[in-house]
Structures are given as C-alpha cells and as structure tokens.
Amino acid sequence: MNIIPVLPAPRPVAQLPDYINADSELRAAAQKLEATFLAEMLKSAGLGAPRDSFGGGHGEDQFASFLREAQAEEMAKTGGIGLAEALFEAMKVRLHAG
C-alpha cells in the first residue's frame, strides 16, 4: 500500500519561461549585493577584529574577511535586512518595463 502520492518530476530550469530565469538571476544579484553590504557593516562593527589576548595572529587577520563574508551571505539568504528584496523589486520593475 503506497500512501505517499507520486509527484511528477520538476521541469528543468531551461524549460521555464524567460521571465522566471531573469527573476531568479535578479534575486541572486540582489542577494549578492546585500551580502556585500552586510559584510562591510560587519567589518565596521568590528567582527573579526584582532583581539588583545589569545589572538590568532596573522592567520586570524587573513581569514577574518572570509568569516565576515560567509556570515553576511547567510544573513542575506535568510532575509537579511530587507535590502535584497527592495533591490529585487526595483530591478524587476525596471526589467519588465523595458
């Protein structure tokens, strides 16, 4: 007895309408921009700044930017501060108007 219904396979991205592909590219670009902005804000807030005691030395200095970027990307993926959504909507209106 099969109680889980069998769903049809999803369509490949290549078969989706052009506007859906464009929207996903716009959303990705908006999220990347928000992540870059958030990384700079985290840097200004002092995330990854060297500590006075028990610091990681030069290695910690070198990799602090990777930590900030990774945290900023995760923040943007989960909604961030709403900048990506605002940028996406503005770019989408502009793209579909022209």
PDB file of N, CA and C in Angstrom:
ATOM      1  N   MET A   1       0.836  -1.174   0.000  1.00  0.00           N
ATOM      2  CA  MET A   1       0.000   0.000   0.000  1.00  0.00           C
ATOM      3  C   MET A   1       0.890   1.248   0.000  1.00  0.00           C
ATOM      4  N   ASN A   2       0.740   2.094  -0.987  1.00  0.00           N
ATOM      5  CA  ASN A   2       1.538   3.308  -1.121  1.00  0.00           C
ATOM      6  C   ASN A   2       0.690   4.498  -0.668  1.00  0.00           C
ATOM      7  N   ILE A   3       1.034   5.062   0.490  1.00  0.00           N
ATOM      8  CA  ILE A   3       0.245   6.193   0.993  1.00  0.00           C
ATOM      9  C   ILE A   3       0.839   7.540   0.590  1.00  0.00           C
ATOM     10  N   ILE A   4       2.044   7.532   0.058  1.00  0.00           N
ATOM     11  CA  ILE A   4       2.678   8.775  -0.397  1.00  0.00           C
ATOM     12  C   ILE A   4       2.427   8.911  -1.892  1.00  0.00           C
ATOM     13  N   PRO A   5       1.758   9.979  -2.310  1.00  0.00           N
ATOM     14  CA  PRO A   5       1.485  10.131  -3.743  1.00  0.00           C
ATOM     15  C   PRO A   5       2.781  10.396  -4.517  1.00  0.00           C
ATOM     16  N   VAL A   6       2.821   9.895  -5.716  1.00  0.00           N
ATOM     17  CA  VAL A   6       3.968  10.103  -6.582  1.00  0.00           C
ATOM     18  C   VAL A   6       3.756  11.411  -7.333  1.00  0.00           C
ATOM     19  N   LEU A   7       4.692  12.319  -7.169  1.00  0.00           N
ATOM     20  CA  LEU A   7       4.601  13.621  -7.823  1.00  0.00           C
ATOM     21  C   LEU A   7       5.365  13.595  -9.135  1.00  0.00           C
ATOM     22  N   PRO A   8       4.924  14.377 -10.110  1.00  0.00           N
ATOM     23  CA  PRO A   8       5.677  14.443 -11.360  1.00  0.00           C
ATOM     24  C   PRO A   8       7.031  15.106 -11.127  1.00  0.00           C
ATOM     25  N   ALA A   9       7.983  14.756 -11.945  1.00  0.00           N
ATOM     26  CA  ALA A   9       9.325  15.337 -11.834  1.00  0.00           C
ATOM     27  C   ALA A   9       9.271  16.826 -12.153  1.00  0.00           C
ATOM     28  N   PRO A  10      10.050  17.645 -11.454  1.00  0.00           N
ATOM     29  CA  PRO A  10      10.063  19.077 -11.754  1.00  0.00           C
ATOM     30  C   PRO A  10      10.646  19.344 -13.132  1.00  0.00           C
ATOM     31  N   ARG A  11      10.179  20.430 -13.732  1.00  0.00           N
ATOM     32  CA  ARG A  11      10.712  20.803 -15.037  1.00  0.00           C
ATOM     33  C   ARG A  11      12.121  21.347 -14.887  1.00  0.00           C
ATOM     34  N   PRO A  12      13.005  21.061 -15.823  1.00  0.00           N
ATOM     35  CA  PRO A  12      14.344  21.657 -15.766  1.00  0.00           C
ATOM     36  C   PRO A  12      14.252  23.172 -15.928  1.00  0.00           C
ATOM     37  N   VAL A  13      15.236  23.870 -15.407  1.00  0.00           N
ATOM     38  CA  VAL A  13      15.241  25.332 -15.460  1.00  0.00           C
ATOM     39  C   VAL A  13      15.208  25.832 -16.895  1.00  0.00           C
ATOM     40  N   ALA A  14      15.823  25.122 -17.812  1.00  0.00           N
ATOM     41  CA  ALA A  14      15.867  25.563 -19.209  1.00  0.00           C
ATOM     42  C   ALA A  14      14.473  25.646 -19.823  1.00  0.00           C
ATOM     43  N   GLN A  15      13.495  24.900 -19.299  1.00  0.00           N
ATOM     44  CA  GLN A  15      12.154  24.913 -19.858  1.00  0.00           C
ATOM     45  C   GLN A  15      11.245  25.952 -19.197  1.00  0.00           C
ATOM     46  N   LEU A  16      11.723  26.606 -18.187  1.00  0.00           N
ATOM     47  CA  LEU A  16      10.915  27.636 -17.539  1.00  0.00           C
ATOM     48  C   LEU A  16      10.859  28.872 -18.419  1.00  0.00           C
ATOM     49  N   PRO A  17       9.807  29.666 -18.289  1.00  0.00           N
ATOM     50  CA  PRO A  17       9.725  30.898 -19.080  1.00  0.00           C
ATOM     51  C   PRO A  17      10.907  31.832 -18.792  1.00  0.00           C
ATOM     52  N   ASP A  18      11.251  32.657 -19.766  1.00  0.00           N
ATOM     53  CA  ASP A  18      12.404  33.548 -19.643  1.00  0.00           C
ATOM     54  C   ASP A  18      12.295  34.487 -18.452  1.00  0.00           C
ATOM     55  N   TYR A  19      11.085  34.979 -18.177  1.00  0.00           N
ATOM     56  CA  TYR A  19      10.954  35.941 -17.085  1.00  0.00           C
ATOM     57  C   TYR A  19      11.262  35.289 -15.732  1.00  0.00           C
ATOM     58  N   ILE A  20      11.012  33.989 -15.584  1.00  0.00           N
ATOM     59  CA  ILE A  20      11.345  33.316 -14.328  1.00  0.00           C
ATOM     60  C   ILE A  20      12.857  33.200 -14.191  1.00  0.00           C
ATOM     61  N   ASN A  21      13.552  32.846 -15.281  1.00  0.00           N
ATOM     62  CA  ASN A  21      15.014  32.780 -15.234  1.00  0.00           C
ATOM     63  C   ASN A  21      15.596  34.155 -14.916  1.00  0.00           C
ATOM     64  N   ALA A  22      15.052  35.201 -15.542  1.00  0.00           N
ATOM     65  CA  ALA A  22      15.547  36.558 -15.301  1.00  0.00           C
ATOM     66  C   ALA A  22      15.300  36.962 -13.855  1.00  0.00           C
ATOM     67  N   ASP A  23      14.126  36.624 -13.319  1.00  0.00           N
ATOM     68  CA  ASP A  23      13.825  36.970 -11.937  1.00  0.00           C
ATOM     69  C   ASP A  23      14.765  36.267 -10.964  1.00  0.00           C
ATOM     70  N   SER A  24      15.091  34.994 -11.221  1.00  0.00           N
ATOM     71  CA  SER A  24      15.994  34.291 -10.317  1.00  0.00           C
ATOM     72  C   SER A  24      17.404  34.883 -10.388  1.00  0.00           C
ATOM     73  N   GLU A  25      17.819  35.324 -11.570  1.00  0.00           N
ATOM     74  CA  GLU A  25      19.122  35.973 -11.703  1.00  0.00           C
ATOM     75  C   GLU A  25      19.127  37.332 -11.000  1.00  0.00           C
ATOM     76  N   LEU A  26      18.023  38.067 -11.113  1.00  0.00           N
ATOM     77  CA  LEU A  26      17.923  39.354 -10.422  1.00  0.00           C
ATOM     78  C   LEU A  26      17.951  39.161  -8.911  1.00  0.00           C
ATOM     79  N   ARG A  27      17.225  38.152  -8.429  1.00  0.00           N
ATOM     80  CA  ARG A  27      17.197  37.888  -6.986  1.00  0.00           C
ATOM     81  C   ARG A  27      18.588  37.509  -6.486  1.00  0.00           C
ATOM     82  N   ALA A  28      19.301  36.687  -7.245  1.00  0.00           N
ATOM     83  CA  ALA A  28      20.661  36.289  -6.860  1.00  0.00           C
ATOM     84  C   ALA A  28      21.592  37.499  -6.816  1.00  0.00           C
ATOM     85  N   ALA A  29      21.465  38.383  -7.802  1.00  0.00           N
ATOM     86  CA  ALA A  29      22.296  39.593  -7.827  1.00  0.00           C
ATOM     87  C   ALA A  29      21.972  40.504  -6.650  1.00  0.00           C
ATOM     88  N   ALA A  30      20.690  40.625  -6.325  1.00  0.00           N
ATOM     89  CA  ALA A  30      20.278  41.467  -5.200  1.00  0.00           C
ATOM     90  C   ALA A  30      20.791  40.894  -3.886  1.00  0.00           C
ATOM     91  N   GLN A  31      20.733  39.568  -3.730  1.00  0.00           N
ATOM     92  CA  GLN A  31      21.248  38.939  -2.510  1.00  0.00           C
ATOM     93  C   GLN A  31      22.760  39.109  -2.400  1.00  0.00           C
ATOM     94  N   LYS A  32      23.447  39.016  -3.519  1.00  0.00           N
ATOM     95  CA  LYS A  32      24.910  39.198  -3.506  1.00  0.00           C
ATOM     96  C   LYS A  32      25.260  40.624  -3.084  1.00  0.00           C
ATOM     97  N   LEU A  33      24.508  41.592  -3.597  1.00  0.00           N
ATOM     98  CA  LEU A  33      24.755  42.982  -3.227  1.00  0.00           C
ATOM     99  C   LEU A  33      24.470  43.206  -1.746  1.00  0.00           C
ATOM    100  N   GLU A  34      23.366  42.626  -1.245  1.00  0.00           N
ATOM    101  CA  GLU A  34      23.072  42.773   0.181  1.00  0.00           C
ATOM    102  C   GLU A  34      24.150  42.107   1.023  1.00  0.00           C
ATOM    103  N   ALA A  35      24.632  40.940   0.608  1.00  0.00           N
ATOM    104  CA  ALA A  35      25.685  40.255   1.356  1.00  0.00           C
ATOM    105  C   ALA A  35      26.957  41.089   1.400  1.00  0.00           C
ATOM    106  N   THR A  36      27.299  41.726   0.292  1.00  0.00           N
ATOM    107  CA  THR A  36      28.481  42.597   0.257  1.00  0.00           C
ATOM    108  C   THR A  36      28.308  43.768   1.209  1.00  0.00           C
ATOM    109  N   PHE A  37      27.122  44.369   1.193  1.00  0.00           N
ATOM    110  CA  PHE A  37      26.822  45.483   2.098  1.00  0.00           C
ATOM    111  C   PHE A  37      26.914  45.030   3.553  1.00  0.00           C
ATOM    112  N   LEU A  38      26.313  43.870   3.867  1.00  0.00           N
ATOM    113  CA  LEU A  38      26.336  43.373   5.240  1.00  0.00           C
ATOM    114  C   LEU A  38      27.754  43.041   5.696  1.00  0.00           C
ATOM    115  N   ALA A  39      28.581  42.516   4.794  1.00  0.00           N
ATOM    116  CA  ALA A  39      29.969  42.217   5.143  1.00  0.00           C
ATOM    117  C   ALA A  39      30.712  43.491   5.530  1.00  0.00           C
ATOM    118  N   GLU A  40      30.457  44.554   4.800  1.00  0.00           N
ATOM    119  CA  GLU A  40      31.098  45.838   5.145  1.00  0.00           C
ATOM    120  C   GLU A  40      30.585  46.367   6.479  1.00  0.00           C
ATOM    121  N   MET A  41      29.300  46.182   6.743  1.00  0.00           N
ATOM    122  CA  MET A  41      28.741  46.620   8.023  1.00  0.00           C
ATOM    123  C   MET A  41      29.309  45.799   9.181  1.00  0.00           C
ATOM    124  N   LEU A  42      29.462  44.485   8.964  1.00  0.00           N
ATOM    125  CA  LEU A  42      30.062  43.640   9.994  1.00  0.00           C
ATOM    126  C   LEU A  42      31.516  44.034  10.241  1.00  0.00           C
ATOM    127  N   LYS A  43      32.215  44.395   9.190  1.00  0.00           N
ATOM    128  CA  LYS A  43      33.606  44.844   9.323  1.00  0.00           C
ATOM    129  C   LYS A  43      33.655  46.134  10.134  1.00  0.00           C
ATOM    130  N   SER A  44      32.756  47.063   9.834  1.00  0.00           N
ATOM    131  CA  SER A  44      32.716  48.325  10.575  1.00  0.00           C
ATOM    132  C   SER A  44      32.329  48.107  12.028  1.00  0.00           C
ATOM    133  N   ALA A  45      31.511  47.076  12.285  1.00  0.00           N
ATOM    134  CA  ALA A  45      31.095  46.775  13.655  1.00  0.00           C
ATOM    135  C   ALA A  45      32.196  46.075  14.447  1.00  0.00           C
ATOM    136  N   GLY A  46      33.264  45.659  13.758  1.00  0.00           N
ATOM    137  CA  GLY A  46      34.401  45.062  14.444  1.00  0.00           C
ATOM    138  C   GLY A  46      34.423  43.553  14.438  1.00  0.00           C
ATOM    139  N   LEU A  47      33.538  42.909  13.685  1.00  0.00           N
ATOM    140  CA  LEU A  47      33.567  41.452  13.620  1.00  0.00           C
ATOM    141  C   LEU A  47      34.847  41.013  12.930  1.00  0.00           C
ATOM    142  N   GLY A  48      35.589  40.161  13.597  1.00  0.00           N
ATOM    143  CA  GLY A  48      36.835  39.660  13.030  1.00  0.00           C
ATOM    144  C   GLY A  48      38.034  40.532  13.348  1.00  0.00           C
ATOM    145  N   ALA A  49      37.822  41.569  14.165  1.00  0.00           N
ATOM    146  CA  ALA A  49      38.946  42.426  14.554  1.00  0.00           C
ATOM    147  C   ALA A  49      39.872  41.637  15.483  1.00  0.00           C
ATOM    148  N   PRO A  50      41.179  41.891  15.403  1.00  0.00           N
ATOM    149  CA  PRO A  50      42.116  41.155  16.256  1.00  0.00           C
ATOM    150  C   PRO A  50      41.853  41.438  17.737  1.00  0.00           C
ATOM    151  N   ARG A  51      42.032  40.396  18.548  1.00  0.00           N
ATOM    152  CA  ARG A  51      41.838  40.526  19.988  1.00  0.00           C
ATOM    153  C   ARG A  51      43.170  40.828  20.662  1.00  0.00           C
ATOM    154  N   ASP A  52      43.087  41.411  21.850  1.00  0.00           N
ATOM    155  CA  ASP A  52      44.311  41.737  22.587  1.00  0.00           C
ATOM    156  C   ASP A  52      44.980  40.494  23.156  1.00  0.00           C
ATOM    157  N   SER A  53      44.171  39.567  23.689  1.00  0.00           N
ATOM    158  CA  SER A  53      44.760  38.370  24.285  1.00  0.00           C
ATOM    159  C   SER A  53      44.256  37.122  23.578  1.00  0.00           C
ATOM    160  N   PHE A  54      45.094  36.144  23.494  1.00  0.00           N
ATOM    161  CA  PHE A  54      44.773  34.866  22.861  1.00  0.00           C
ATOM    162  C   PHE A  54      44.288  35.034  21.431  1.00  0.00           C
ATOM    163  N   GLY A  55      44.868  35.960  20.731  1.00  0.00           N
ATOM    164  CA  GLY A  55      44.512  36.179  19.332  1.00  0.00           C
ATOM    165  C   GLY A  55      45.153  35.135  18.437  1.00  0.00           C
ATOM    166  N   GLY A  56      44.654  35.038  17.222  1.00  0.00           N
ATOM    167  CA  GLY A  56      45.164  34.047  16.284  1.00  0.00           C
ATOM    168  C   GLY A  56      46.332  34.527  15.454  1.00  0.00           C
ATOM    169  N   GLY A  57      46.798  35.717  15.711  1.00  0.00           N
ATOM    170  CA  GLY A  57      47.949  36.231  14.983  1.00  0.00           C
ATOM    171  C   GLY A  57      47.620  36.599  13.548  1.00  0.00           C
ATOM    172  N   HIS A  58      48.608  36.429  12.668  1.00  0.00           N
ATOM    173  CA  HIS A  58      48.444  36.818  11.269  1.00  0.00           C
ATOM    174  C   HIS A  58      47.412  35.957  10.552  1.00  0.00           C
ATOM    175  N   GLY A  59      47.300  34.697  10.922  1.00  0.00           N
ATOM    176  CA  GLY A  59      46.320  33.806  10.293  1.00  0.00           C
ATOM    177  C   GLY A  59      44.904  34.280  10.543  1.00  0.00           C
ATOM    178  N   GLU A  60      44.648  34.718  11.759  1.00  0.00           N
ATOM    179  CA  GLU A  60      43.309  35.223  12.081  1.00  0.00           C
ATOM    180  C   GLU A  60      43.011  36.482  11.273  1.00  0.00           C
ATOM    181  N   ASP A  61      43.972  37.334  11.129  1.00  0.00           N
ATOM    182  CA  ASP A  61      43.796  38.550  10.331  1.00  0.00           C
ATOM    183  C   ASP A  61      43.464  38.211   8.881  1.00  0.00           C
ATOM    184  N   GLN A  62      44.144  37.200   8.336  1.00  0.00           N
ATOM    185  CA  GLN A  62      43.950  36.839   6.936  1.00  0.00           C
ATOM    186  C   GLN A  62      42.574  36.251   6.668  1.00  0.00           C
ATOM    187  N   PHE A  63      42.052  35.459   7.602  1.00  0.00           N
ATOM    188  CA  PHE A  63      40.807  34.742   7.359  1.00  0.00           C
ATOM    189  C   PHE A  63      39.574  35.417   7.950  1.00  0.00           C
ATOM    190  N   ALA A  64      39.720  36.521   8.631  1.00  0.00           N
ATOM    191  CA  ALA A  64      38.577  37.224   9.208  1.00  0.00           C
ATOM    192  C   ALA A  64      37.611  37.693   8.124  1.00  0.00           C
ATOM    193  N   SER A  65      38.133  38.094   6.976  1.00  0.00           N
ATOM    194  CA  SER A  65      37.250  38.554   5.899  1.00  0.00           C
ATOM    195  C   SER A  65      36.393  37.416   5.350  1.00  0.00           C
ATOM    196  N   PHE A  66      36.950  36.194   5.311  1.00  0.00           N
ATOM    197  CA  PHE A  66      36.166  35.043   4.853  1.00  0.00           C
ATOM    198  C   PHE A  66      35.009  34.759   5.814  1.00  0.00           C
ATOM    199  N   LEU A  67      35.270  34.883   7.105  1.00  0.00           N
ATOM    200  CA  LEU A  67      34.236  34.688   8.107  1.00  0.00           C
ATOM    201  C   LEU A  67      33.128  35.723   7.942  1.00  0.00           C
ATOM    202  N   ARG A  68      33.508  36.980   7.786  1.00  0.00           N
ATOM    203  CA  ARG A  68      32.506  38.048   7.603  1.00  0.00           C
ATOM    204  C   ARG A  68      31.670  37.807   6.354  1.00  0.00           C
ATOM    205  N   GLU A  69      32.315  37.443   5.252  1.00  0.00           N
ATOM    206  CA  GLU A  69      31.594  37.209   4.003  1.00  0.00           C
ATOM    207  C   GLU A  69      30.626  36.034   4.131  1.00  0.00           C
ATOM    208  N   ALA A  70      31.073  34.956   4.770  1.00  0.00           N
ATOM    209  CA  ALA A  70      30.200  33.783   4.939  1.00  0.00           C
ATOM    210  C   ALA A  70      29.003  34.124   5.816  1.00  0.00           C
ATOM    211  N   GLN A  71      29.243  34.857   6.892  1.00  0.00           N
ATOM    212  CA  GLN A  71      28.135  35.233   7.767  1.00  0.00           C
ATOM    213  C   GLN A  71      27.184  36.190   7.049  1.00  0.00           C
ATOM    214  N   ALA A  72      27.713  37.112   6.276  1.00  0.00           N
ATOM    215  CA  ALA A  72      26.877  38.060   5.541  1.00  0.00           C
ATOM    216  C   ALA A  72      26.039  37.344   4.482  1.00  0.00           C
ATOM    217  N   GLU A  73      26.622  36.356   3.803  1.00  0.00           N
ATOM    218  CA  GLU A  73      25.869  35.596   2.792  1.00  0.00           C
ATOM    219  C   GLU A  73      24.720  34.828   3.432  1.00  0.00           C
ATOM    220  N   GLU A  74      24.964  34.228   4.596  1.00  0.00           N
ATOM    221  CA  GLU A  74      23.896  33.502   5.288  1.00  0.00           C
ATOM    222  C   GLU A  74      22.814  34.461   5.770  1.00  0.00           C
ATOM    223  N   MET A  75      23.221  35.625   6.234  1.00  0.00           N
ATOM    224  CA  MET A  75      22.236  36.624   6.669  1.00  0.00           C
ATOM    225  C   MET A  75      21.358  37.039   5.495  1.00  0.00           C
ATOM    226  N   ALA A  76      21.970  37.279   4.342  1.00  0.00           N
ATOM    227  CA  ALA A  76      21.213  37.698   3.158  1.00  0.00           C
ATOM    228  C   ALA A  76      20.275  36.602   2.684  1.00  0.00           C
ATOM    229  N   LYS A  77      20.716  35.333   2.746  1.00  0.00           N
ATOM    230  CA  LYS A  77      19.878  34.207   2.325  1.00  0.00           C
ATOM    231  C   LYS A  77      18.630  34.072   3.191  1.00  0.00           C
ATOM    232  N   THR A  78      18.749  34.415   4.458  1.00  0.00           N
ATOM    233  CA  THR A  78      17.632  34.239   5.385  1.00  0.00           C
ATOM    234  C   THR A  78      16.798  35.507   5.548  1.00  0.00           C
ATOM    235  N   GLY A  79      16.951  36.451   4.642  1.00  0.00           N
ATOM    236  CA  GLY A  79      16.126  37.651   4.681  1.00  0.00           C
ATOM    237  C   GLY A  79      16.898  38.918   4.974  1.00  0.00           C
ATOM    238  N   GLY A  80      18.028  38.769   5.630  1.00  0.00           N
ATOM    239  CA  GLY A  80      18.890  39.923   5.894  1.00  0.00           C
ATOM    240  C   GLY A  80      18.154  41.092   6.513  1.00  0.00           C
ATOM    241  N   ILE A  81      18.401  42.262   5.967  1.00  0.00           N
ATOM    242  CA  ILE A  81      17.756  43.479   6.458  1.00  0.00           C
ATOM    243  C   ILE A  81      16.687  43.964   5.486  1.00  0.00           C
ATOM    244  N   GLY A  82      16.389  43.156   4.498  1.00  0.00           N
ATOM    245  CA  GLY A  82      15.358  43.510   3.519  1.00  0.00           C
ATOM    246  C   GLY A  82      15.876  44.274   2.319  1.00  0.00           C
ATOM    247  N   LEU A  83      17.153  44.527   2.288  1.00  0.00           N
ATOM    248  CA  LEU A  83      17.735  45.278   1.180  1.00  0.00           C
ATOM    249  C   LEU A  83      17.636  44.496  -0.125  1.00  0.00           C
ATOM    250  N   ALA A  84      17.903  43.197  -0.093  1.00  0.00           N
ATOM    251  CA  ALA A  84      17.860  42.384  -1.311  1.00  0.00           C
ATOM    252  C   ALA A  84      16.465  42.383  -1.917  1.00  0.00           C
ATOM    253  N   GLU A  85      15.442  42.275  -1.080  1.00  0.00           N
ATOM    254  CA  GLU A  85      14.073  42.246  -1.598  1.00  0.00           C
ATOM    255  C   GLU A  85      13.702  43.588  -2.228  1.00  0.00           C
ATOM    256  N   ALA A  86      14.100  44.680  -1.600  1.00  0.00           N
ATOM    257  CA  ALA A  86      13.821  46.004  -2.157  1.00  0.00           C
ATOM    258  C   ALA A  86      14.546  46.197  -3.491  1.00  0.00           C
ATOM    259  N   LEU A  87      15.802  45.780  -3.549  1.00  0.00           N
ATOM    260  CA  LEU A  87      16.566  45.885  -4.794  1.00  0.00           C
ATOM    261  C   LEU A  87      15.968  44.996  -5.876  1.00  0.00           C
ATOM    262  N   PHE A  88      15.581  43.782  -5.504  1.00  0.00           N
ATOM    263  CA  PHE A  88      14.986  42.854  -6.459  1.00  0.00           C
ATOM    264  C   PHE A  88      13.715  43.441  -7.063  1.00  0.00           C
ATOM    265  N   GLU A  89      12.837  43.957  -6.224  1.00  0.00           N
ATOM    266  CA  GLU A  89      11.576  44.528  -6.725  1.00  0.00           C
ATOM    267  C   GLU A  89      11.837  45.716  -7.649  1.00  0.00           C
ATOM    268  N   ALA A  90      12.794  46.563  -7.290  1.00  0.00           N
ATOM    269  CA  ALA A  90      13.110  47.729  -8.125  1.00  0.00           C
ATOM    270  C   ALA A  90      13.690  47.295  -9.469  1.00  0.00           C
ATOM    271  N   MET A  91      14.592  46.315  -9.452  1.00  0.00           N
ATOM    272  CA  MET A  91      15.197  45.850 -10.702  1.00  0.00           C
ATOM    273  C   MET A  91      14.178  45.108 -11.566  1.00  0.00           C
ATOM    274  N   LYS A  92      13.271  44.368 -10.921  1.00  0.00           N
ATOM    275  CA  LYS A  92      12.250  43.629 -11.668  1.00  0.00           C
ATOM    276  C   LYS A  92      11.316  44.581 -12.388  1.00  0.00           C
ATOM    277  N   VAL A  93      10.905  45.649 -11.728  1.00  0.00           N
ATOM    278  CA  VAL A  93      10.039  46.651 -12.375  1.00  0.00           C
ATOM    279  C   VAL A  93      10.756  47.261 -13.551  1.00  0.00           C
ATOM    280  N   ARG A  94      12.009  47.568 -13.355  1.00  0.00           N
ATOM    281  CA  ARG A  94      12.811  48.188 -14.412  1.00  0.00           C
ATOM    282  C   ARG A  94      12.997  47.241 -15.591  1.00  0.00           C
ATOM    283  N   LEU A  95      13.241  45.949 -15.308  1.00  0.00           N
ATOM    284  CA  LEU A  95      13.464  44.963 -16.364  1.00  0.00           C
ATOM    285  C   LEU A  95      12.182  44.735 -17.178  1.00  0.00           C
ATOM    286  N   HIS A  96      11.055  44.576 -16.490  1.00  0.00           N
ATOM    287  CA  HIS A  96       9.800  44.265 -17.178  1.00  0.00           C
ATOM    288  C   HIS A  96       9.181  45.488 -17.840  1.00  0.00           C
ATOM    289  N   ALA A  97       9.598  46.679 -17.438  1.00  0.00           N
ATOM    290  CA  ALA A  97       9.086  47.904 -18.077  1.00  0.00           C
ATOM    291  C   ALA A  97       9.758  48.139 -19.420  1.00  0.00           C
ATOM    292  N   GLY A  98      11.006  47.702 -19.527  1.00  0.00           N
ATOM    293  CA  GLY A  98      11.776  47.976 -20.744  1.00  0.00           C
ATOM    294  C   GLY A  98      11.814  46.860 -21.670  1.00  0.00           C
TER     295      GLY A  98
END
